[in-house]
Amino acid sequence: MTREELINGAAQVCIDEREAHLIMFTEGIFGYVCPNEGIITENRAIFKGTYRECQIWVEQRGLSAALRFILERQHLVPELSDCRLTLDQCLADFSRTPRSLTAG
């Protein structure tokens, strides 16, 4: 596995985790989060709060899934297999924004 494949895999699990949840508005700034399984009713909510709090709840799960993916598979990347990344190293190394293919 390459470092790029590791990062892409982490991004994919982040998206999958985020898309596994659906945020719905109730009234005003409030909402709730349900599993994205077709039946969306407030009584199936797994989290309730302001719409922003709901967004944060979902984003945290996506970020957590991505970090777990990296930490669990870093040993498969040759240049990372000799060391164990600390959280600080992991965040610093993998938080770089990829360059656009159209950037010159």
C-alpha atoms as a PDB file:
ATOM      1  CA  MET A   1       0.000   0.000   0.000  1.00  0.00           C
ATOM      2  CA  THR A   2       1.273   3.476  -0.815  1.00  0.00           C
ATOM      3  CA  ARG A   3       0.900   6.559   1.327  1.00  0.00           C
ATOM      4  CA  GLU A   4      -1.506   7.955  -1.299  1.00  0.00           C
ATOM      5  CA  GLU A   5      -3.623   4.775  -1.144  1.00  0.00           C
ATOM      6  CA  LEU A   6      -3.698   5.072   2.646  1.00  0.00           C
ATOM      7  CA  ILE A   7      -4.919   8.663   2.452  1.00  0.00           C
ATOM      8  CA  ASN A   8      -7.497   7.828  -0.236  1.00  0.00           C
ATOM      9  CA  GLY A   9      -8.768   4.885   1.795  1.00  0.00           C
ATOM     10  CA  ALA A  10      -9.103   7.102   4.854  1.00  0.00           C
ATOM     11  CA  ALA A  11     -11.060   9.638   2.811  1.00  0.00           C
ATOM     12  CA  GLN A  12     -13.362   6.910   1.520  1.00  0.00           C
ATOM     13  CA  VAL A  13     -14.176   5.537   4.980  1.00  0.00           C
ATOM     14  CA  CYS A  14     -14.752   9.103   6.180  1.00  0.00           C
ATOM     15  CA  ILE A  15     -17.300   9.658   3.405  1.00  0.00           C
ATOM     16  CA  ASP A  16     -18.937   6.269   4.001  1.00  0.00           C
ATOM     17  CA  GLU A  17     -19.325   6.984   7.707  1.00  0.00           C
ATOM     18  CA  ARG A  18     -20.734  10.458   7.082  1.00  0.00           C
ATOM     19  CA  GLU A  19     -23.167   9.171   4.464  1.00  0.00           C
ATOM     20  CA  ALA A  20     -24.388   6.509   6.887  1.00  0.00           C
ATOM     21  CA  HIS A  21     -26.199   9.318   8.738  1.00  0.00           C
ATOM     22  CA  LEU A  22     -28.872  11.774   7.688  1.00  0.00           C
ATOM     23  CA  ILE A  23     -29.564  15.107   9.382  1.00  0.00           C
ATOM     24  CA  MET A  24     -33.124  16.406   9.436  1.00  0.00           C
ATOM     25  CA  PHE A  25     -34.441  19.797  10.569  1.00  0.00           C
ATOM     26  CA  THR A  26     -37.221  19.902  13.145  1.00  0.00           C
ATOM     27  CA  GLU A  27     -38.055  23.528  13.900  1.00  0.00           C
ATOM     28  CA  GLY A  28     -35.923  26.635  13.913  1.00  0.00           C
ATOM     29  CA  ILE A  29     -32.257  25.734  14.249  1.00  0.00           C
ATOM     30  CA  PHE A  30     -32.906  22.276  15.674  1.00  0.00           C
ATOM     31  CA  GLY A  31     -32.520  18.912  14.059  1.00  0.00           C
ATOM     32  CA  TYR A  32     -31.772  15.273  14.579  1.00  0.00           C
ATOM     33  CA  VAL A  33     -29.573  12.561  13.113  1.00  0.00           C
ATOM     34  CA  CYS A  34     -30.898   9.213  11.915  1.00  0.00           C
ATOM     35  CA  PRO A  35     -29.222   6.241  10.315  1.00  0.00           C
ATOM     36  CA  ASN A  36     -29.453   6.703   6.544  1.00  0.00           C
ATOM     37  CA  GLU A  37     -31.571   3.595   6.069  1.00  0.00           C
ATOM     38  CA  GLY A  38     -34.702   4.849   4.360  1.00  0.00           C
ATOM     39  CA  ILE A  39     -36.997   5.347   7.357  1.00  0.00           C
ATOM     40  CA  ILE A  40     -36.395   8.865   8.594  1.00  0.00           C
ATOM     41  CA  THR A  41     -38.501   9.734  11.618  1.00  0.00           C
ATOM     42  CA  GLU A  42     -37.617  11.642  14.738  1.00  0.00           C
ATOM     43  CA  ASN A  43     -38.340   8.633  16.957  1.00  0.00           C
ATOM     44  CA  ARG A  44     -35.412   6.832  15.226  1.00  0.00           C
ATOM     45  CA  ALA A  45     -33.014   9.699  16.026  1.00  0.00           C
ATOM     46  CA  ILE A  46     -29.618   8.727  17.385  1.00  0.00           C
ATOM     47  CA  PHE A  47     -28.681  12.332  18.168  1.00  0.00           C
ATOM     48  CA  LYS A  48     -30.667  15.552  18.670  1.00  0.00           C
ATOM     49  CA  GLY A  49     -29.456  19.122  18.932  1.00  0.00           C
ATOM     50  CA  THR A  50     -29.043  22.262  16.910  1.00  0.00           C
ATOM     51  CA  TYR A  51     -28.460  21.674  13.222  1.00  0.00           C
ATOM     52  CA  ARG A  52     -24.813  22.655  13.721  1.00  0.00           C
ATOM     53  CA  GLU A  53     -24.413  20.232  16.631  1.00  0.00           C
ATOM     54  CA  CYS A  54     -25.861  17.503  14.402  1.00  0.00           C
ATOM     55  CA  GLN A  55     -23.350  18.361  11.671  1.00  0.00           C
ATOM     56  CA  ILE A  56     -20.496  18.227  14.191  1.00  0.00           C
ATOM     57  CA  TRP A  57     -21.731  14.871  15.506  1.00  0.00           C
ATOM     58  CA  VAL A  58     -21.664  13.382  11.984  1.00  0.00           C
ATOM     59  CA  GLU A  59     -18.313  14.980  11.057  1.00  0.00           C
ATOM     60  CA  GLN A  60     -16.670  13.648  14.227  1.00  0.00           C
ATOM     61  CA  ARG A  61     -17.658  10.134  13.241  1.00  0.00           C
ATOM     62  CA  GLY A  62     -16.206  10.607   9.764  1.00  0.00           C
ATOM     63  CA  LEU A  63     -12.934  11.982  11.109  1.00  0.00           C
ATOM     64  CA  SER A  64     -12.709   9.217  13.674  1.00  0.00           C
ATOM     65  CA  ALA A  65     -13.219   6.554  10.987  1.00  0.00           C
ATOM     66  CA  ALA A  66     -10.498   8.127   8.817  1.00  0.00           C
ATOM     67  CA  LEU A  67      -7.987   8.306  11.659  1.00  0.00           C
ATOM     68  CA  ARG A  68      -8.711   4.716  12.708  1.00  0.00           C
ATOM     69  CA  PHE A  69      -8.180   3.595   9.099  1.00  0.00           C
ATOM     70  CA  ILE A  70      -4.773   5.307   8.989  1.00  0.00           C
ATOM     71  CA  LEU A  71      -3.626   4.056  12.372  1.00  0.00           C
ATOM     72  CA  GLU A  72      -4.759   0.485  11.698  1.00  0.00           C
ATOM     73  CA  ARG A  73      -3.078   0.301   8.262  1.00  0.00           C
ATOM     74  CA  GLN A  74       0.045   2.436   8.592  1.00  0.00           C
ATOM     75  CA  HIS A  75       2.123  -0.743   8.914  1.00  0.00           C
ATOM     76  CA  LEU A  76       1.149  -1.640   5.314  1.00  0.00           C
ATOM     77  CA  VAL A  77       2.933   1.450   3.933  1.00  0.00           C
ATOM     78  CA  PRO A  78       6.649   0.654   3.544  1.00  0.00           C
ATOM     79  CA  GLU A  79       7.929   4.069   4.641  1.00  0.00           C
ATOM     80  CA  LEU A  80       5.650   3.973   7.692  1.00  0.00           C
ATOM     81  CA  SER A  81       6.115   0.325   8.646  1.00  0.00           C
ATOM     82  CA  ASP A  82       9.259   0.938  10.712  1.00  0.00           C
ATOM     83  CA  CYS A  83       7.597   3.438  13.010  1.00  0.00           C
ATOM     84  CA  ARG A  84       4.361   4.010  14.810  1.00  0.00           C
ATOM     85  CA  LEU A  85       2.853   7.397  14.184  1.00  0.00           C
ATOM     86  CA  THR A  86       1.760   9.430  17.142  1.00  0.00           C
ATOM     87  CA  LEU A  87      -1.483  11.335  16.796  1.00  0.00           C
ATOM     88  CA  ASP A  88       0.459  14.580  16.291  1.00  0.00           C
ATOM     89  CA  GLN A  89       2.582  13.035  13.543  1.00  0.00           C
ATOM     90  CA  CYS A  90      -0.451  11.470  11.913  1.00  0.00           C
ATOM     91  CA  LEU A  91      -2.363  14.737  11.882  1.00  0.00           C
ATOM     92  CA  ALA A  92       0.607  16.744  10.608  1.00  0.00           C
ATOM     93  CA  ASP A  93       1.494  14.260   7.888  1.00  0.00           C
ATOM     94  CA  PHE A  94      -1.988  13.581   6.585  1.00  0.00           C
ATOM     95  CA  SER A  95      -3.567  17.018   6.970  1.00  0.00           C
ATOM     96  CA  ARG A  96      -1.830  18.457   3.951  1.00  0.00           C
ATOM     97  CA  THR A  97      -4.328  19.498   1.304  1.00  0.00           C
ATOM     98  CA  PRO A  98      -3.710  17.650  -1.974  1.00  0.00           C
ATOM     99  CA  ARG A  99      -2.774  19.770  -4.940  1.00  0.00           C
ATOM    100  CA  SER A 100      -5.351  20.279  -7.636  1.00  0.00           C
ATOM    101  CA  LEU A 101      -4.672  18.506 -10.911  1.00  0.00           C
ATOM    102  CA  THR A 102      -5.417  21.769 -12.712  1.00  0.00           C
ATOM    103  CA  ALA A 103      -3.114  23.915 -10.571  1.00  0.00           C
ATOM    104  CA  GLY A 104      -0.146  25.208 -12.481  1.00  0.00           C
END
